[in-house]
Amino acid sequence: MRRVIRYVAPDGREYRPAEETATLMVRPHGLHLSEPRMLVDGRPVAGALFDFGLFVFHNARELLRRGSGPYLYLPKLESYHEARFWNQVCKAAEGRLDLPRAPSASPSSSSTSWQPSRWRRSCMSCGSGSRR
């Protein structure tokens, strides 16, 4: 994200990320899975929210500054209810982290990649069609 990784081989060759790199898409855990190593009131938190929160908190601002965004890969959305849930999660993160707001986009298939806000404006189909 910040392009600060650098490696100098024993023979003196230096390696660092190129100026243009592939877009990183984070795939959070499924909503049905928990994160057992993170407890709130003695209970594990939802793994998807844990993954989302860490990624967005630590990277959204830097990615937006670079003209990209914190892209999420949300496979197999089961219904519009789940898409609405993720939209609400993204809106809450925007508010808490003071990130730019933008109109929502709606997923068009069961496998969806989601870029919240400026980030949420982009939502494209990555799957083979809707599940029924």
Protein backbone atom coordinates (compact mmCIF):
# COMPACT_ATOMS: atom_id res chain seq x y z
CA MET A 1 0.00 0.00 0.00
CA ARG A 2 2.63 2.50 1.01
CA ARG A 3 5.31 1.11 -1.32
CA VAL A 4 8.00 1.17 1.36
CA ILE A 5 9.08 -2.46 0.98
CA ARG A 6 12.66 -2.77 -0.22
CA TYR A 7 15.10 -5.67 -0.49
CA VAL A 8 18.79 -5.59 -1.34
CA ALA A 9 20.15 -8.98 -2.41
CA PRO A 10 23.62 -10.10 -1.28
CA ASP A 11 24.90 -9.39 -4.80
CA GLY A 12 23.74 -5.77 -4.52
CA ARG A 13 20.59 -5.96 -6.67
CA GLU A 14 17.76 -3.89 -5.23
CA TYR A 15 14.07 -4.79 -5.37
CA ARG A 16 11.14 -2.51 -4.64
CA PRO A 17 7.55 -2.21 -5.89
CA ALA A 18 6.95 -0.66 -9.30
CA GLU A 19 5.23 2.70 -9.51
CA GLU A 20 2.14 1.00 -10.96
CA THR A 21 1.07 -2.18 -9.23
CA ALA A 22 -1.94 -4.45 -9.40
CA THR A 23 -5.03 -3.41 -7.48
CA LEU A 24 -5.28 -5.18 -4.15
CA MET A 25 -8.66 -6.67 -3.35
CA VAL A 26 -9.24 -7.96 0.17
CA ARG A 27 -11.60 -10.87 0.68
CA PRO A 28 -13.05 -10.78 4.19
CA HIS A 29 -14.21 -13.94 5.95
CA GLY A 30 -17.77 -15.02 5.26
CA LEU A 31 -20.40 -13.45 7.51
CA HIS A 32 -21.02 -16.80 9.15
CA LEU A 33 -17.41 -17.12 10.40
CA SER A 34 -16.03 -15.61 13.59
CA GLU A 35 -12.57 -14.34 14.53
CA PRO A 36 -11.81 -16.42 17.66
CA ARG A 37 -8.68 -14.42 18.59
CA MET A 38 -10.63 -11.17 18.98
CA LEU A 39 -13.21 -11.10 21.74
CA VAL A 40 -15.77 -8.43 22.64
CA ASP A 41 -17.55 -9.00 25.94
CA GLY A 42 -16.00 -12.49 25.98
CA ARG A 43 -17.43 -13.47 22.59
CA PRO A 44 -15.65 -13.75 19.22
CA VAL A 45 -16.40 -10.98 16.71
CA ALA A 46 -17.63 -11.57 13.18
CA GLY A 47 -14.60 -12.39 11.04
CA ALA A 48 -15.89 -10.37 8.08
CA LEU A 49 -16.21 -7.22 10.18
CA PHE A 50 -12.83 -7.81 11.80
CA ASP A 51 -11.14 -8.16 8.39
CA PHE A 52 -13.00 -5.16 6.98
CA GLY A 53 -12.24 -2.97 9.98
CA LEU A 54 -8.53 -3.68 10.07
CA PHE A 55 -8.10 -3.22 6.34
CA VAL A 56 -10.10 -0.01 6.06
CA PHE A 57 -8.76 1.56 9.27
CA HIS A 58 -5.13 1.01 8.31
CA ASN A 59 -5.29 1.53 4.54
CA ALA A 60 -8.32 3.46 3.24
CA ARG A 61 -6.88 6.95 3.57
CA GLU A 62 -3.57 6.04 1.90
CA LEU A 63 -5.29 4.18 -0.93
CA LEU A 64 -7.70 7.07 -1.55
CA ARG A 65 -4.79 9.53 -1.49
CA ARG A 66 -3.15 7.49 -4.26
CA GLY A 67 -6.31 7.59 -6.37
CA SER A 68 -7.31 4.02 -5.63
CA GLY A 69 -9.49 2.73 -2.82
CA PRO A 70 -9.97 -0.09 -0.33
CA TYR A 71 -11.48 -2.68 -2.65
CA LEU A 72 -13.29 -5.68 -1.20
CA TYR A 73 -14.08 -8.96 -2.89
CA LEU A 74 -17.41 -10.16 -1.53
CA PRO A 75 -18.10 -13.56 -3.08
CA LYS A 76 -21.53 -15.12 -3.29
CA LEU A 77 -23.74 -12.42 -1.89
CA GLU A 78 -26.92 -14.30 -1.08
CA SER A 79 -29.44 -11.48 -1.42
CA TYR A 80 -30.00 -7.77 -1.55
CA HIS A 81 -30.17 -7.92 2.27
CA GLU A 82 -26.51 -8.89 2.40
CA ALA A 83 -25.59 -6.22 -0.16
CA ARG A 84 -27.49 -3.65 1.93
CA PHE A 85 -25.67 -4.84 5.06
CA TRP A 86 -22.27 -4.28 3.40
CA ASN A 87 -23.40 -0.88 2.17
CA GLN A 88 -24.34 0.06 5.75
CA VAL A 89 -20.98 -1.19 7.02
CA CYS A 90 -19.19 0.96 4.43
CA LYS A 91 -21.28 4.02 5.30
CA ALA A 92 -20.54 3.53 9.01
CA ALA A 93 -16.81 3.30 8.29
CA GLU A 94 -16.97 6.46 6.18
CA GLY A 95 -18.61 8.32 9.04
CA ARG A 96 -16.30 7.02 11.77
CA LEU A 97 -13.10 7.48 9.77
CA ASP A 98 -14.19 10.75 8.13
CA LEU A 99 -13.78 9.30 4.63
CA PRO A 100 -15.43 10.87 1.56
CA ARG A 101 -19.02 9.83 0.95
CA ALA A 102 -20.50 8.94 -2.39
CA PRO A 103 -23.69 7.42 -3.77
CA SER A 104 -24.05 3.69 -3.30
CA ALA A 105 -23.67 1.15 -6.04
CA SER A 106 -25.58 -2.08 -6.10
CA PRO A 107 -24.08 -5.48 -6.82
CA SER A 108 -25.24 -7.23 -9.95
CA SER A 109 -24.25 -10.84 -9.34
CA SER A 110 -23.55 -13.40 -6.68
CA SER A 111 -19.80 -12.79 -6.79
CA THR A 112 -19.13 -9.13 -6.38
CA SER A 113 -16.19 -6.84 -5.90
CA TRP A 114 -16.98 -3.76 -3.94
CA GLN A 115 -15.09 -0.55 -3.59
CA PRO A 116 -16.81 1.36 -0.81
CA SER A 117 -17.77 5.06 -1.33
CA ARG A 118 -15.60 6.88 -3.82
CA TRP A 119 -14.87 3.95 -2.93
CA ARG A 120 -18.52 2.72 -2.97
CA ARG A 121 -19.25 4.08 -6.42
CA SER A 122 -17.63 1.14 -8.17
CA CYS A 123 -19.27 -2.24 -8.00
CA MET A 124 -18.68 -4.71 -10.76
CA SER A 125 -19.64 -8.26 -11.47
CA CYS A 126 -16.85 -10.78 -11.13
CA GLY A 127 -18.99 -13.88 -11.10
CA SER A 128 -20.91 -16.03 -13.49
CA GLY A 129 -24.41 -14.89 -12.64
CA SER A 130 -26.91 -14.64 -9.85
CA ARG A 131 -27.75 -17.51 -7.53
CA ARG A 132 -31.40 -18.31 -7.28
